């Protein structure tokens, strides 16, 4: 295999691993938030915060030369999953 391509792929593999561990850590924290919300009878979603976060991360994406639409779709996917977890905690 071409050594340059091999190095690129190794970097991609490292970045992918970091993303997985970062998502795992994020979900640990959001799980704790969900438990807190459930025990304090708070709603599972906070649309105002979600919109502020999306706006903030869209700007970060622009600053990083990353497509802000892609960033928003990615974040919305994560937020929706977190809300599903929070709703399950309230039910159970």
PDB file of N, CA and C in Angstrom:
ATOM      1  N   UNK A   1       0.850  -1.180   0.000  1.00  0.00           N
ATOM      2  CA  UNK A   1       0.000   0.000   0.000  1.00  0.00           C
ATOM      3  C   UNK A   1       0.893   1.240   0.000  1.00  0.00           C
ATOM      4  N   UNK A   2       0.460   2.242  -0.689  1.00  0.00           N
ATOM      5  CA  UNK A   2       1.122   3.533  -0.731  1.00  0.00           C
ATOM      6  C   UNK A   2       1.267   4.075   0.695  1.00  0.00           C
ATOM      7  N   UNK A   3       2.470   4.475   1.096  1.00  0.00           N
ATOM      8  CA  UNK A   3       2.740   4.929   2.466  1.00  0.00           C
ATOM      9  C   UNK A   3       1.992   6.215   2.824  1.00  0.00           C
ATOM     10  N   UNK A   4       1.847   7.098   1.862  1.00  0.00           N
ATOM     11  CA  UNK A   4       1.103   8.338   2.133  1.00  0.00           C
ATOM     12  C   UNK A   4      -0.346   8.022   2.441  1.00  0.00           C
ATOM     13  N   UNK A   5      -0.958   7.192   1.624  1.00  0.00           N
ATOM     14  CA  UNK A   5      -2.348   6.796   1.841  1.00  0.00           C
ATOM     15  C   UNK A   5      -2.487   6.060   3.170  1.00  0.00           C
ATOM     16  N   UNK A   6      -1.516   5.224   3.486  1.00  0.00           N
ATOM     17  CA  UNK A   6      -1.534   4.484   4.754  1.00  0.00           C
ATOM     18  C   UNK A   6      -1.532   5.445   5.942  1.00  0.00           C
ATOM     19  N   UNK A   7      -0.691   6.468   5.888  1.00  0.00           N
ATOM     20  CA  UNK A   7      -0.632   7.462   6.965  1.00  0.00           C
ATOM     21  C   UNK A   7      -1.954   8.219   7.090  1.00  0.00           C
ATOM     22  N   UNK A   8      -2.544   8.610   5.950  1.00  0.00           N
ATOM     23  CA  UNK A   8      -3.842   9.292   5.987  1.00  0.00           C
ATOM     24  C   UNK A   8      -4.891   8.403   6.652  1.00  0.00           C
ATOM     25  N   UNK A   9      -4.908   7.140   6.251  1.00  0.00           N
ATOM     26  CA  UNK A   9      -5.911   6.225   6.798  1.00  0.00           C
ATOM     27  C   UNK A   9      -5.699   5.977   8.288  1.00  0.00           C
ATOM     28  N   UNK A  10      -4.452   5.915   8.715  1.00  0.00           N
ATOM     29  CA  UNK A  10      -4.175   5.763  10.147  1.00  0.00           C
ATOM     30  C   UNK A  10      -4.690   6.972  10.916  1.00  0.00           C
ATOM     31  N   UNK A  11      -4.496   8.162  10.365  1.00  0.00           N
ATOM     32  CA  UNK A  11      -5.014   9.371  11.007  1.00  0.00           C
ATOM     33  C   UNK A  11      -6.537   9.337  11.076  1.00  0.00           C
ATOM     34  N   UNK A  12      -7.168   8.948   9.982  1.00  0.00           N
ATOM     35  CA  UNK A  12      -8.632   8.845   9.970  1.00  0.00           C
ATOM     36  C   UNK A  12      -9.099   7.843  11.026  1.00  0.00           C
ATOM     37  N   UNK A  13      -8.425   6.711  11.132  1.00  0.00           N
ATOM     38  CA  UNK A  13      -8.792   5.704  12.126  1.00  0.00           C
ATOM     39  C   UNK A  13      -8.669   6.265  13.541  1.00  0.00           C
ATOM     40  N   UNK A  14      -7.619   7.012  13.803  1.00  0.00           N
ATOM     41  CA  UNK A  14      -7.430   7.630  15.118  1.00  0.00           C
ATOM     42  C   UNK A  14      -8.518   8.649  15.413  1.00  0.00           C
ATOM     43  N   UNK A  15      -8.849   9.452  14.423  1.00  0.00           N
ATOM     44  CA  UNK A  15      -9.896  10.462  14.595  1.00  0.00           C
ATOM     45  C   UNK A  15     -11.240   9.777  14.847  1.00  0.00           C
ATOM     46  N   UNK A  16     -11.542   8.728  14.084  1.00  0.00           N
ATOM     47  CA  UNK A  16     -12.792   7.998  14.292  1.00  0.00           C
ATOM     48  C   UNK A  16     -12.870   7.430  15.702  1.00  0.00           C
ATOM     49  N   UNK A  17     -11.779   6.878  16.193  1.00  0.00           N
ATOM     50  CA  UNK A  17     -11.757   6.341  17.555  1.00  0.00           C
ATOM     51  C   UNK A  17     -12.006   7.459  18.571  1.00  0.00           C
ATOM     52  N   UNK A  18     -11.378   8.600  18.366  1.00  0.00           N
ATOM     53  CA  UNK A  18     -11.579   9.738  19.268  1.00  0.00           C
ATOM     54  C   UNK A  18     -13.038  10.186  19.246  1.00  0.00           C
ATOM     55  N   UNK A  19     -13.647  10.225  18.078  1.00  0.00           N
ATOM     56  CA  UNK A  19     -15.058  10.605  17.975  1.00  0.00           C
ATOM     57  C   UNK A  19     -15.949   9.656  18.760  1.00  0.00           C
ATOM     58  N   UNK A  20     -15.689   8.371  18.652  1.00  0.00           N
ATOM     59  CA  UNK A  20     -16.497   7.387  19.376  1.00  0.00           C
ATOM     60  C   UNK A  20     -16.356   7.598  20.881  1.00  0.00           C
ATOM     61  N   UNK A  21     -15.127   7.784  21.361  1.00  0.00           N
ATOM     62  CA  UNK A  21     -14.929   7.990  22.792  1.00  0.00           C
ATOM     63  C   UNK A  21     -15.528   9.317  23.258  1.00  0.00           C
ATOM     64  N   UNK A  22     -15.453  10.344  22.434  1.00  0.00           N
ATOM     65  CA  UNK A  22     -16.069  11.640  22.784  1.00  0.00           C
ATOM     66  C   UNK A  22     -17.589  11.505  22.850  1.00  0.00           C
ATOM     67  N   UNK A  23     -18.180  10.801  21.897  1.00  0.00           N
ATOM     68  CA  UNK A  23     -19.631  10.587  21.939  1.00  0.00           C
ATOM     69  C   UNK A  23     -20.021   9.774  23.170  1.00  0.00           C
ATOM     70  N   UNK A  24     -19.241   8.767  23.497  1.00  0.00           N
ATOM     71  CA  UNK A  24     -19.530   7.964  24.685  1.00  0.00           C
ATOM     72  C   UNK A  24     -19.501   8.834  25.938  1.00  0.00           C
ATOM     73  N   UNK A  25     -18.504   9.691  26.036  1.00  0.00           N
ATOM     74  CA  UNK A  25     -18.407  10.588  27.198  1.00  0.00           C
ATOM     75  C   UNK A  25     -19.576  11.565  27.232  1.00  0.00           C
ATOM     76  N   UNK A  26     -19.938  12.084  26.070  1.00  0.00           N
ATOM     77  CA  UNK A  26     -21.067  13.019  25.993  1.00  0.00           C
ATOM     78  C   UNK A  26     -22.345  12.333  26.467  1.00  0.00           C
ATOM     79  N   UNK A  27     -22.554  11.099  26.017  1.00  0.00           N
ATOM     80  CA  UNK A  27     -23.769  10.390  26.416  1.00  0.00           C
ATOM     81  C   UNK A  27     -23.758  10.019  27.894  1.00  0.00           C
ATOM     82  N   UNK A  28     -22.604   9.796  28.494  1.00  0.00           N
ATOM     83  CA  UNK A  28     -22.550   9.580  29.946  1.00  0.00           C
ATOM     84  C   UNK A  28     -23.066  10.813  30.672  1.00  0.00           C
ATOM     85  N   UNK A  29     -22.630  11.978  30.223  1.00  0.00           N
ATOM     86  CA  UNK A  29     -23.048  13.226  30.870  1.00  0.00           C
ATOM     87  C   UNK A  29     -24.532  13.485  30.619  1.00  0.00           C
ATOM     88  N   UNK A  30     -24.981  13.295  29.380  1.00  0.00           N
ATOM     89  CA  UNK A  30     -26.397  13.553  29.104  1.00  0.00           C
ATOM     90  C   UNK A  30     -27.291  12.542  29.825  1.00  0.00           C
ATOM     91  N   UNK A  31     -26.788  11.341  30.065  1.00  0.00           N
ATOM     92  CA  UNK A  31     -27.545  10.370  30.866  1.00  0.00           C
ATOM     93  C   UNK A  31     -27.738  10.905  32.280  1.00  0.00           C
ATOM     94  N   UNK A  32     -26.684  11.471  32.853  1.00  0.00           N
ATOM     95  CA  UNK A  32     -26.778  12.063  34.191  1.00  0.00           C
ATOM     96  C   UNK A  32     -27.755  13.237  34.182  1.00  0.00           C
ATOM     97  N   UNK A  33     -27.724  14.043  33.136  1.00  0.00           N
ATOM     98  CA  UNK A  33     -28.669  15.156  33.008  1.00  0.00           C
ATOM     99  C   UNK A  33     -30.099  14.614  32.960  1.00  0.00           C
ATOM    100  N   UNK A  34     -30.310  13.554  32.178  1.00  0.00           N
ATOM    101  CA  UNK A  34     -31.634  12.964  32.081  1.00  0.00           C
ATOM    102  C   UNK A  34     -32.139  12.446  33.418  1.00  0.00           C
ATOM    103  N   UNK A  35     -31.261  11.817  34.184  1.00  0.00           N
ATOM    104  CA  UNK A  35     -31.640  11.327  35.510  1.00  0.00           C
ATOM    105  C   UNK A  35     -31.984  12.490  36.429  1.00  0.00           C
ATOM    106  N   UNK A  36     -31.202  13.558  36.350  1.00  0.00           N
ATOM    107  CA  UNK A  36     -31.478  14.753  37.149  1.00  0.00           C
ATOM    108  C   UNK A  36     -32.832  15.340  36.774  1.00  0.00           C
ATOM    109  N   UNK A  37     -33.073  15.469  35.466  1.00  0.00           N
ATOM    110  CA  UNK A  37     -34.351  16.025  35.010  1.00  0.00           C
ATOM    111  C   UNK A  37     -35.518  15.153  35.464  1.00  0.00           C
ATOM    112  N   UNK A  38     -35.364  13.840  35.378  1.00  0.00           N
ATOM    113  CA  UNK A  38     -36.447  12.939  35.767  1.00  0.00           C
ATOM    114  C   UNK A  38     -36.759  13.048  37.257  1.00  0.00           C
ATOM    115  N   UNK A  39     -35.719  13.132  38.098  1.00  0.00           N
ATOM    116  CA  UNK A  39     -35.955  13.200  39.543  1.00  0.00           C
ATOM    117  C   UNK A  39     -36.451  14.573  39.985  1.00  0.00           C
ATOM    118  N   UNK A  40     -36.228  15.594  39.155  1.00  0.00           N
ATOM    119  CA  UNK A  40     -36.679  16.946  39.500  1.00  0.00           C
ATOM    120  C   UNK A  40     -37.879  17.385  38.655  1.00  0.00           C
ATOM    121  N   UNK A  41     -38.497  16.410  37.989  1.00  0.00           N
ATOM    122  CA  UNK A  41     -39.694  16.650  37.180  1.00  0.00           C
ATOM    123  C   UNK A  41     -39.505  17.785  36.175  1.00  0.00           C
ATOM    124  N   UNK A  42     -38.356  17.772  35.507  1.00  0.00           N
ATOM    125  CA  UNK A  42     -38.068  18.757  34.463  1.00  0.00           C
ATOM    126  C   UNK A  42     -38.348  18.127  33.107  1.00  0.00           C
ATOM    127  N   UNK A  43     -38.721  18.928  32.121  1.00  0.00           N
ATOM    128  CA  UNK A  43     -39.010  18.364  30.794  1.00  0.00           C
ATOM    129  C   UNK A  43     -37.760  17.761  30.157  1.00  0.00           C
ATOM    130  N   UNK A  44     -37.946  16.702  29.344  1.00  0.00           N
ATOM    131  CA  UNK A  44     -36.795  16.051  28.730  1.00  0.00           C
ATOM    132  C   UNK A  44     -36.106  16.906  27.674  1.00  0.00           C
ATOM    133  N   UNK A  45     -36.815  17.855  27.091  1.00  0.00           N
ATOM    134  CA  UNK A  45     -36.233  18.703  26.041  1.00  0.00           C
ATOM    135  C   UNK A  45     -36.208  20.152  26.503  1.00  0.00           C
ATOM    136  N   UNK A  46     -35.243  20.885  25.979  1.00  0.00           N
ATOM    137  CA  UNK A  46     -35.126  22.322  26.234  1.00  0.00           C
ATOM    138  C   UNK A  46     -34.897  22.994  24.883  1.00  0.00           C
ATOM    139  N   UNK A  47     -35.991  23.263  24.156  1.00  0.00           N
ATOM    140  CA  UNK A  47     -35.858  23.792  22.796  1.00  0.00           C
ATOM    141  C   UNK A  47     -35.026  25.075  22.697  1.00  0.00           C
ATOM    142  N   UNK A  48     -35.115  25.946  23.685  1.00  0.00           N
ATOM    143  CA  UNK A  48     -34.325  27.185  23.656  1.00  0.00           C
ATOM    144  C   UNK A  48     -32.836  26.896  23.694  1.00  0.00           C
ATOM    145  N   UNK A  49     -32.431  26.011  24.603  1.00  0.00           N
ATOM    146  CA  UNK A  49     -31.003  25.638  24.673  1.00  0.00           C
ATOM    147  C   UNK A  49     -30.572  24.944  23.404  1.00  0.00           C
ATOM    148  N   UNK A  50     -31.411  24.058  22.887  1.00  0.00           N
ATOM    149  CA  UNK A  50     -31.059  23.345  21.660  1.00  0.00           C
ATOM    150  C   UNK A  50     -30.795  24.325  20.518  1.00  0.00           C
ATOM    151  N   UNK A  51     -31.652  25.310  20.377  1.00  0.00           N
ATOM    152  CA  UNK A  51     -31.472  26.290  19.297  1.00  0.00           C
ATOM    153  C   UNK A  51     -30.199  27.116  19.497  1.00  0.00           C
ATOM    154  N   UNK A  52     -29.928  27.495  20.744  1.00  0.00           N
ATOM    155  CA  UNK A  52     -28.689  28.247  21.026  1.00  0.00           C
ATOM    156  C   UNK A  52     -27.462  27.398  20.714  1.00  0.00           C
ATOM    157  N   UNK A  53     -27.504  26.123  21.089  1.00  0.00           N
ATOM    158  CA  UNK A  53     -26.381  25.229  20.811  1.00  0.00           C
ATOM    159  C   UNK A  53     -26.181  25.061  19.307  1.00  0.00           C
ATOM    160  N   UNK A  54     -27.259  24.885  18.591  1.00  0.00           N
ATOM    161  CA  UNK A  54     -27.150  24.719  17.142  1.00  0.00           C
ATOM    162  C   UNK A  54     -26.558  25.961  16.507  1.00  0.00           C
ATOM    163  N   UNK A  55     -27.035  27.124  16.917  1.00  0.00           N
ATOM    164  CA  UNK A  55     -26.487  28.370  16.366  1.00  0.00           C
ATOM    165  C   UNK A  55     -24.998  28.488  16.692  1.00  0.00           C
ATOM    166  N   UNK A  56     -24.625  28.171  17.926  1.00  0.00           N
ATOM    167  CA  UNK A  56     -23.223  28.256  18.342  1.00  0.00           C
ATOM    168  C   UNK A  56     -22.351  27.297  17.535  1.00  0.00           C
ATOM    169  N   UNK A  57     -22.825  26.070  17.368  1.00  0.00           N
ATOM    170  CA  UNK A  57     -22.029  25.079  16.653  1.00  0.00           C
ATOM    171  C   UNK A  57     -22.019  25.316  15.148  1.00  0.00           C
ATOM    172  N   UNK A  58     -23.073  25.911  14.617  1.00  0.00           N
ATOM    173  CA  UNK A  58     -23.049  26.295  13.198  1.00  0.00           C
ATOM    174  C   UNK A  58     -21.944  27.336  12.979  1.00  0.00           C
ATOM    175  N   UNK A  59     -21.824  28.290  13.910  1.00  0.00           N
ATOM    176  CA  UNK A  59     -20.771  29.296  13.774  1.00  0.00           C
ATOM    177  C   UNK A  59     -19.386  28.665  13.919  1.00  0.00           C
ATOM    178  N   UNK A  60     -19.244  27.748  14.855  1.00  0.00           N
ATOM    179  CA  UNK A  60     -17.969  27.041  14.993  1.00  0.00           C
ATOM    180  C   UNK A  60     -17.632  26.296  13.709  1.00  0.00           C
ATOM    181  N   UNK A  61     -18.640  25.701  13.088  1.00  0.00           N
ATOM    182  CA  UNK A  61     -18.414  24.990  11.828  1.00  0.00           C
ATOM    183  C   UNK A  61     -17.919  25.943  10.750  1.00  0.00           C
ATOM    184  N   UNK A  62     -18.553  27.102  10.650  1.00  0.00           N
ATOM    185  CA  UNK A  62     -18.114  28.102   9.667  1.00  0.00           C
ATOM    186  C   UNK A  62     -16.665  28.469   9.936  1.00  0.00           C
ATOM    187  N   UNK A  63     -16.341  28.729  11.203  1.00  0.00           N
ATOM    188  CA  UNK A  63     -14.977  29.100  11.576  1.00  0.00           C
ATOM    189  C   UNK A  63     -13.977  28.000  11.240  1.00  0.00           C
ATOM    190  N   UNK A  64     -14.431  26.742  11.278  1.00  0.00           N
ATOM    191  CA  UNK A  64     -13.553  25.597  11.023  1.00  0.00           C
ATOM    192  C   UNK A  64     -13.594  25.148   9.556  1.00  0.00           C
ATOM    193  N   UNK A  65     -14.280  25.912   8.717  1.00  0.00           N
ATOM    194  CA  UNK A  65     -14.444  25.552   7.305  1.00  0.00           C
ATOM    195  C   UNK A  65     -15.134  24.200   7.130  1.00  0.00           C
ATOM    196  N   UNK A  66     -16.136  23.962   7.972  1.00  0.00           N
ATOM    197  CA  UNK A  66     -16.953  22.757   7.891  1.00  0.00           C
ATOM    198  C   UNK A  66     -18.365  23.184   7.521  1.00  0.00           C
ATOM    199  N   UNK A  67     -19.038  22.400   6.726  1.00  0.00           N
ATOM    200  CA  UNK A  67     -20.390  22.722   6.290  1.00  0.00           C
ATOM    201  C   UNK A  67     -21.318  22.851   7.504  1.00  0.00           C
ATOM    202  N   UNK A  68     -21.876  24.044   7.746  1.00  0.00           N
ATOM    203  CA  UNK A  68     -22.750  24.215   8.916  1.00  0.00           C
ATOM    204  C   UNK A  68     -24.042  23.406   8.816  1.00  0.00           C
ATOM    205  N   UNK A  69     -24.522  23.132   7.603  1.00  0.00           N
ATOM    206  CA  UNK A  69     -25.723  22.309   7.467  1.00  0.00           C
ATOM    207  C   UNK A  69     -25.444  20.872   7.916  1.00  0.00           C
ATOM    208  N   UNK A  70     -24.299  20.348   7.520  1.00  0.00           N
ATOM    209  CA  UNK A  70     -23.900  19.014   7.971  1.00  0.00           C
ATOM    210  C   UNK A  70     -23.780  18.997   9.495  1.00  0.00           C
ATOM    211  N   UNK A  71     -23.147  20.015  10.046  1.00  0.00           N
ATOM    212  CA  UNK A  71     -22.947  20.103  11.491  1.00  0.00           C
ATOM    213  C   UNK A  71     -24.288  20.115  12.216  1.00  0.00           C
ATOM    214  N   UNK A  72     -25.230  20.894  11.686  1.00  0.00           N
ATOM    215  CA  UNK A  72     -26.547  20.953  12.313  1.00  0.00           C
ATOM    216  C   UNK A  72     -27.254  19.604  12.243  1.00  0.00           C
ATOM    217  N   UNK A  73     -27.197  18.931  11.104  1.00  0.00           N
ATOM    218  CA  UNK A  73     -27.831  17.613  10.978  1.00  0.00           C
ATOM    219  C   UNK A  73     -27.222  16.631  11.978  1.00  0.00           C
ATOM    220  N   UNK A  74     -25.902  16.660  12.098  1.00  0.00           N
ATOM    221  CA  UNK A  74     -25.199  15.779  13.023  1.00  0.00           C
ATOM    222  C   UNK A  74     -25.634  16.072  14.459  1.00  0.00           C
ATOM    223  N   UNK A  75     -25.660  17.349  14.825  1.00  0.00           N
ATOM    224  CA  UNK A  75     -26.041  17.730  16.185  1.00  0.00           C
ATOM    225  C   UNK A  75     -27.505  17.394  16.455  1.00  0.00           C
ATOM    226  N   UNK A  76     -28.376  17.639  15.510  1.00  0.00           N
ATOM    227  CA  UNK A  76     -29.797  17.321  15.700  1.00  0.00           C
ATOM    228  C   UNK A  76     -29.990  15.816  15.916  1.00  0.00           C
ATOM    229  N   UNK A  77     -29.223  15.009  15.199  1.00  0.00           N
ATOM    230  CA  UNK A  77     -29.295  13.564  15.388  1.00  0.00           C
ATOM    231  C   UNK A  77     -28.930  13.210  16.833  1.00  0.00           C
ATOM    232  N   UNK A  78     -27.876  13.810  17.336  1.00  0.00           N
ATOM    233  CA  UNK A  78     -27.430  13.556  18.706  1.00  0.00           C
ATOM    234  C   UNK A  78     -28.473  14.056  19.701  1.00  0.00           C
ATOM    235  N   UNK A  79     -28.967  15.271  19.506  1.00  0.00           N
ATOM    236  CA  UNK A  79     -29.969  15.843  20.413  1.00  0.00           C
ATOM    237  C   UNK A  79     -31.217  14.963  20.456  1.00  0.00           C
ATOM    238  N   UNK A  80     -31.679  14.521  19.296  1.00  0.00           N
ATOM    239  CA  UNK A  80     -32.868  13.667  19.252  1.00  0.00           C
ATOM    240  C   UNK A  80     -32.653  12.375  20.034  1.00  0.00           C
ATOM    241  N   UNK A  81     -31.475  11.807  19.927  1.00  0.00           N
ATOM    242  CA  UNK A  81     -31.168  10.582  20.667  1.00  0.00           C
ATOM    243  C   UNK A  81     -31.148  10.854  22.171  1.00  0.00           C
ATOM    244  N   UNK A  82     -30.571  11.958  22.571  1.00  0.00           N
ATOM    245  CA  UNK A  82     -30.532  12.332  23.993  1.00  0.00           C
ATOM    246  C   UNK A  82     -31.951  12.513  24.525  1.00  0.00           C
ATOM    247  N   UNK A  83     -32.794  13.197  23.774  1.00  0.00           N
ATOM    248  CA  UNK A  83     -34.177  13.413  24.210  1.00  0.00           C
ATOM    249  C   UNK A  83     -34.905  12.078  24.360  1.00  0.00           C
ATOM    250  N   UNK A  84     -34.688  11.150  23.433  1.00  0.00           N
ATOM    251  CA  UNK A  84     -35.297   9.819  23.554  1.00  0.00           C
ATOM    252  C   UNK A  84     -34.859   9.144  24.859  1.00  0.00           C
ATOM    253  N   UNK A  85     -33.580   9.272  25.184  1.00  0.00           N
ATOM    254  CA  UNK A  85     -33.087   8.688  26.441  1.00  0.00           C
ATOM    255  C   UNK A  85     -33.767   9.348  27.636  1.00  0.00           C
ATOM    256  N   UNK A  86     -33.881  10.664  27.602  1.00  0.00           N
ATOM    257  CA  UNK A  86     -34.495  11.400  28.708  1.00  0.00           C
ATOM    258  C   UNK A  86     -35.970  11.027  28.866  1.00  0.00           C
ATOM    259  N   UNK A  87     -36.669  10.866  27.751  1.00  0.00           N
ATOM    260  CA  UNK A  87     -38.080  10.473  27.817  1.00  0.00           C
ATOM    261  C   UNK A  87     -38.225   9.085  28.428  1.00  0.00           C
ATOM    262  N   UNK A  88     -37.337   8.161  28.083  1.00  0.00           N
ATOM    263  CA  UNK A  88     -37.381   6.819  28.658  1.00  0.00           C
ATOM    264  C   UNK A  88     -37.151   6.859  30.166  1.00  0.00           C
ATOM    265  N   UNK A  89     -36.258   7.738  30.600  1.00  0.00           N
ATOM    266  CA  UNK A  89     -36.008   7.851  32.059  1.00  0.00           C
ATOM    267  C   UNK A  89     -37.243   8.368  32.785  1.00  0.00           C
ATOM    268  N   UNK A  90     -37.974   9.275  32.162  1.00  0.00           N
ATOM    269  CA  UNK A  90     -39.190   9.809  32.797  1.00  0.00           C
ATOM    270  C   UNK A  90     -40.278   8.749  32.887  1.00  0.00           C
ATOM    271  N   UNK A  91     -40.295   7.859  31.905  1.00  0.00           N
ATOM    272  CA  UNK A  91     -41.323   6.813  31.870  1.00  0.00           C
ATOM    273  C   UNK A  91     -41.034   5.699  32.875  1.00  0.00           C
ATOM    274  N   UNK A  92     -39.730   5.481  33.102  1.00  0.00           N
ATOM    275  CA  UNK A  92     -39.388   4.279  33.800  1.00  0.00           C
ATOM    276  C   UNK A  92     -38.934   4.341  35.166  1.00  0.00           C
TER     277      UNK A  92
END
